[in-house]
Amino acid sequence: MRLLETAKFKKQRKKLRSALEKQALKKAIIDIMENPLAGKKLKGELSPYRSLRFSAGALSQRLIYQIESDSIILVSFGPRQGIYKS
């Protein structure tokens, strides 16, 4: 499977400063690559997306992604508060 990033995701990823956060995000992406259905399927207008929980130290985060035929599209990540808003 190919791994693609939205512009929003790329911008968020570049803002990461902590090595712990970078490592946690990398592990979450590897988990998705190994099992694309690992994340919870979202409902309503967000139904094309899936959400995978991961932790960066004591901070709980969500990774939002979409599966399309032969690609995984990384959409966004961050804490639950506000992550599901555009």
N, C-alpha and C. Protein backbone atom coordinates (compact mmCIF):
# COMPACT_ATOMS: atom_id res chain seq x y z
N MET A 1 0.84 -1.20 0.00
CA MET A 1 0.00 0.00 0.00
C MET A 1 0.88 1.25 0.00
N ARG A 2 0.41 2.25 -0.70
CA ARG A 2 1.10 3.54 -0.72
C ARG A 2 0.63 4.38 0.46
N LEU A 3 1.50 5.22 0.95
CA LEU A 3 1.19 6.11 2.06
C LEU A 3 1.24 7.55 1.55
N LEU A 4 0.12 8.25 1.67
CA LEU A 4 0.03 9.63 1.22
C LEU A 4 -0.31 10.54 2.38
N GLU A 5 0.10 11.80 2.30
CA GLU A 5 -0.21 12.80 3.35
C GLU A 5 -0.98 13.95 2.73
N THR A 6 -1.99 14.46 3.45
CA THR A 6 -2.64 15.69 3.02
C THR A 6 -1.72 16.85 3.40
N ALA A 7 -1.97 18.01 2.82
CA ALA A 7 -1.18 19.20 3.14
C ALA A 7 -1.31 19.54 4.63
N LYS A 8 -2.50 19.37 5.18
CA LYS A 8 -2.74 19.65 6.61
C LYS A 8 -1.88 18.73 7.48
N PHE A 9 -1.85 17.45 7.15
CA PHE A 9 -1.07 16.49 7.92
C PHE A 9 0.41 16.85 7.86
N LYS A 10 0.90 17.14 6.67
CA LYS A 10 2.31 17.47 6.49
C LYS A 10 2.70 18.70 7.32
N LYS A 11 1.82 19.70 7.34
CA LYS A 11 2.07 20.92 8.11
C LYS A 11 2.12 20.60 9.61
N GLN A 12 1.18 19.78 10.09
CA GLN A 12 1.17 19.39 11.50
C GLN A 12 2.43 18.60 11.86
N ARG A 13 2.82 17.69 10.98
CA ARG A 13 3.99 16.84 11.23
C ARG A 13 5.26 17.68 11.33
N LYS A 14 5.38 18.68 10.49
CA LYS A 14 6.58 19.52 10.49
C LYS A 14 6.66 20.39 11.75
N LYS A 15 5.53 20.64 12.41
CA LYS A 15 5.52 21.45 13.63
C LYS A 15 5.93 20.66 14.87
N LEU A 16 5.99 19.33 14.78
CA LEU A 16 6.38 18.51 15.93
C LEU A 16 7.81 18.83 16.34
N ARG A 17 8.02 19.06 17.63
CA ARG A 17 9.36 19.36 18.14
C ARG A 17 9.90 18.22 19.01
N SER A 18 9.03 17.61 19.78
CA SER A 18 9.44 16.57 20.72
C SER A 18 9.77 15.26 20.01
N ALA A 19 10.90 14.68 20.35
CA ALA A 19 11.28 13.38 19.79
C ALA A 19 10.28 12.30 20.20
N LEU A 20 9.72 12.43 21.40
CA LEU A 20 8.74 11.47 21.89
C LEU A 20 7.48 11.50 21.01
N GLU A 21 7.01 12.69 20.66
CA GLU A 21 5.83 12.82 19.81
C GLU A 21 6.11 12.29 18.41
N LYS A 22 7.28 12.59 17.88
CA LYS A 22 7.65 12.10 16.54
C LYS A 22 7.69 10.58 16.51
N GLN A 23 8.28 9.99 17.54
CA GLN A 23 8.39 8.53 17.62
C GLN A 23 7.01 7.88 17.76
N ALA A 24 6.13 8.47 18.58
CA ALA A 24 4.78 7.93 18.78
C ALA A 24 3.99 7.99 17.48
N LEU A 25 4.10 9.10 16.74
CA LEU A 25 3.40 9.23 15.46
C LEU A 25 3.93 8.20 14.46
N LYS A 26 5.23 8.04 14.41
CA LYS A 26 5.85 7.07 13.50
C LYS A 26 5.35 5.65 13.79
N LYS A 27 5.26 5.30 15.08
CA LYS A 27 4.77 3.98 15.46
C LYS A 27 3.31 3.79 15.05
N ALA A 28 2.49 4.83 15.23
CA ALA A 28 1.08 4.76 14.84
C ALA A 28 0.95 4.56 13.33
N ILE A 29 1.78 5.24 12.55
CA ILE A 29 1.75 5.09 11.10
C ILE A 29 2.17 3.68 10.69
N ILE A 30 3.19 3.14 11.34
CA ILE A 30 3.62 1.76 11.07
C ILE A 30 2.50 0.78 11.39
N ASP A 31 1.79 1.01 12.52
CA ASP A 31 0.67 0.15 12.89
C ASP A 31 -0.40 0.15 11.81
N ILE A 32 -0.68 1.33 11.25
CA ILE A 32 -1.68 1.44 10.19
C ILE A 32 -1.21 0.73 8.92
N MET A 33 0.06 0.86 8.61
CA MET A 33 0.59 0.20 7.42
C MET A 33 0.48 -1.33 7.54
N GLU A 34 0.71 -1.84 8.75
CA GLU A 34 0.63 -3.28 8.98
C GLU A 34 -0.82 -3.77 8.99
N ASN A 35 -1.72 -2.96 9.53
CA ASN A 35 -3.14 -3.33 9.61
C ASN A 35 -3.99 -2.08 9.36
N PRO A 36 -4.34 -1.81 8.11
CA PRO A 36 -5.11 -0.59 7.79
C PRO A 36 -6.46 -0.50 8.49
N LEU A 37 -7.02 -1.60 8.90
CA LEU A 37 -8.33 -1.58 9.57
C LEU A 37 -8.21 -1.46 11.09
N ALA A 38 -7.02 -1.14 11.59
CA ALA A 38 -6.80 -1.05 13.04
C ALA A 38 -7.60 0.09 13.66
N GLY A 39 -7.78 1.17 12.95
CA GLY A 39 -8.50 2.33 13.49
C GLY A 39 -10.00 2.13 13.48
N LYS A 40 -10.67 2.88 14.36
CA LYS A 40 -12.12 2.83 14.47
C LYS A 40 -12.76 3.60 13.31
N LYS A 41 -13.75 3.01 12.66
CA LYS A 41 -14.45 3.67 11.57
C LYS A 41 -15.32 4.78 12.16
N LEU A 42 -15.22 5.97 11.59
CA LEU A 42 -16.00 7.10 12.07
C LEU A 42 -17.39 7.09 11.45
N LYS A 43 -18.30 7.88 12.05
CA LYS A 43 -19.70 7.88 11.62
C LYS A 43 -20.10 9.24 11.07
N GLY A 44 -21.26 9.27 10.46
CA GLY A 44 -21.82 10.52 9.95
C GLY A 44 -21.05 11.07 8.78
N GLU A 45 -20.85 12.37 8.77
CA GLU A 45 -20.15 13.00 7.65
C GLU A 45 -18.67 12.64 7.61
N LEU A 46 -18.17 12.05 8.69
CA LEU A 46 -16.77 11.62 8.75
C LEU A 46 -16.62 10.13 8.39
N SER A 47 -17.68 9.52 7.88
CA SER A 47 -17.67 8.08 7.61
C SER A 47 -16.57 7.59 6.66
N PRO A 48 -16.01 8.42 5.76
CA PRO A 48 -14.91 7.89 4.93
C PRO A 48 -13.61 7.70 5.71
N TYR A 49 -13.54 8.20 6.94
CA TYR A 49 -12.29 8.21 7.70
C TYR A 49 -12.28 7.17 8.81
N ARG A 50 -11.07 6.90 9.29
CA ARG A 50 -10.86 6.03 10.45
C ARG A 50 -10.00 6.79 11.45
N SER A 51 -10.10 6.42 12.72
CA SER A 51 -9.36 7.10 13.79
C SER A 51 -8.60 6.06 14.62
N LEU A 52 -7.29 6.25 14.73
CA LEU A 52 -6.46 5.35 15.54
C LEU A 52 -5.94 6.12 16.74
N ARG A 53 -6.17 5.59 17.92
CA ARG A 53 -5.65 6.20 19.15
C ARG A 53 -4.19 5.80 19.35
N PHE A 54 -3.39 6.78 19.79
CA PHE A 54 -2.02 6.48 20.17
C PHE A 54 -1.60 7.46 21.26
N SER A 55 -0.54 7.13 21.97
CA SER A 55 -0.08 7.96 23.08
C SER A 55 1.33 8.45 22.84
N ALA A 56 1.54 9.70 23.19
CA ALA A 56 2.88 10.30 23.18
C ALA A 56 3.16 10.69 24.62
N GLY A 57 3.73 9.76 25.37
CA GLY A 57 3.92 9.97 26.80
C GLY A 57 2.56 9.90 27.48
N ALA A 58 2.20 10.93 28.23
CA ALA A 58 0.91 10.97 28.92
C ALA A 58 -0.18 11.59 28.05
N LEU A 59 0.19 12.05 26.87
CA LEU A 59 -0.73 12.74 25.97
C LEU A 59 -1.41 11.75 25.03
N SER A 60 -2.74 11.67 25.11
CA SER A 60 -3.50 10.79 24.23
C SER A 60 -3.80 11.53 22.93
N GLN A 61 -3.57 10.87 21.81
CA GLN A 61 -3.74 11.50 20.50
C GLN A 61 -4.59 10.62 19.60
N ARG A 62 -5.08 11.20 18.50
CA ARG A 62 -5.80 10.47 17.47
C ARG A 62 -5.11 10.71 16.13
N LEU A 63 -5.05 9.68 15.32
CA LEU A 63 -4.54 9.79 13.95
C LEU A 63 -5.72 9.51 13.03
N ILE A 64 -6.09 10.49 12.21
CA ILE A 64 -7.23 10.36 11.30
C ILE A 64 -6.68 10.02 9.92
N TYR A 65 -7.23 8.98 9.31
CA TYR A 65 -6.76 8.55 8.00
C TYR A 65 -7.90 7.97 7.18
N GLN A 66 -7.64 7.80 5.91
CA GLN A 66 -8.63 7.27 4.98
C GLN A 66 -7.98 6.18 4.14
N ILE A 67 -8.73 5.13 3.86
CA ILE A 67 -8.24 4.04 3.01
C ILE A 67 -8.91 4.16 1.66
N GLU A 68 -8.11 4.21 0.60
CA GLU A 68 -8.63 4.22 -0.77
C GLU A 68 -7.88 3.15 -1.55
N SER A 69 -8.58 2.33 -2.24
CA SER A 69 -8.07 1.19 -3.01
C SER A 69 -6.68 0.71 -2.59
N ASP A 70 -5.62 1.31 -3.10
CA ASP A 70 -4.27 0.84 -2.77
C ASP A 70 -3.47 1.88 -1.99
N SER A 71 -4.17 2.82 -1.34
CA SER A 71 -3.48 3.90 -0.63
C SER A 71 -4.07 4.14 0.76
N ILE A 72 -3.22 4.60 1.64
CA ILE A 72 -3.64 5.09 2.95
C ILE A 72 -3.32 6.58 2.95
N ILE A 73 -4.35 7.40 3.18
CA ILE A 73 -4.17 8.85 3.17
C ILE A 73 -4.21 9.35 4.61
N LEU A 74 -3.10 9.91 5.08
CA LEU A 74 -3.02 10.47 6.43
C LEU A 74 -3.61 11.87 6.38
N VAL A 75 -4.68 12.10 7.16
CA VAL A 75 -5.43 13.34 7.09
C VAL A 75 -5.03 14.33 8.17
N SER A 76 -4.98 13.87 9.43
CA SER A 76 -4.71 14.77 10.54
C SER A 76 -4.35 13.97 11.78
N PHE A 77 -3.80 14.65 12.78
CA PHE A 77 -3.56 14.01 14.07
C PHE A 77 -3.55 15.09 15.15
N GLY A 78 -3.76 14.64 16.39
CA GLY A 78 -3.75 15.56 17.53
C GLY A 78 -4.64 15.05 18.64
N PRO A 79 -4.80 15.85 19.69
CA PRO A 79 -5.67 15.44 20.78
C PRO A 79 -7.13 15.41 20.33
N ARG A 80 -7.95 14.69 21.04
CA ARG A 80 -9.35 14.50 20.66
C ARG A 80 -10.08 15.82 20.50
N GLN A 81 -9.84 16.77 21.39
CA GLN A 81 -10.53 18.05 21.35
C GLN A 81 -10.21 18.77 20.04
N GLY A 82 -11.20 18.91 19.18
CA GLY A 82 -11.06 19.66 17.96
C GLY A 82 -10.46 18.91 16.78
N ILE A 83 -10.04 17.67 16.96
CA ILE A 83 -9.38 16.94 15.87
C ILE A 83 -10.36 16.61 14.74
N TYR A 84 -11.64 16.47 15.07
CA TYR A 84 -12.61 16.07 14.05
C TYR A 84 -13.20 17.25 13.29
N LYS A 85 -12.76 18.46 13.62
CA LYS A 85 -13.20 19.65 12.89
C LYS A 85 -12.30 19.88 11.71
N SER A 86 -12.82 20.48 10.67
CA SER A 86 -12.03 20.72 9.44
C SER A 86 -10.87 21.62 9.65
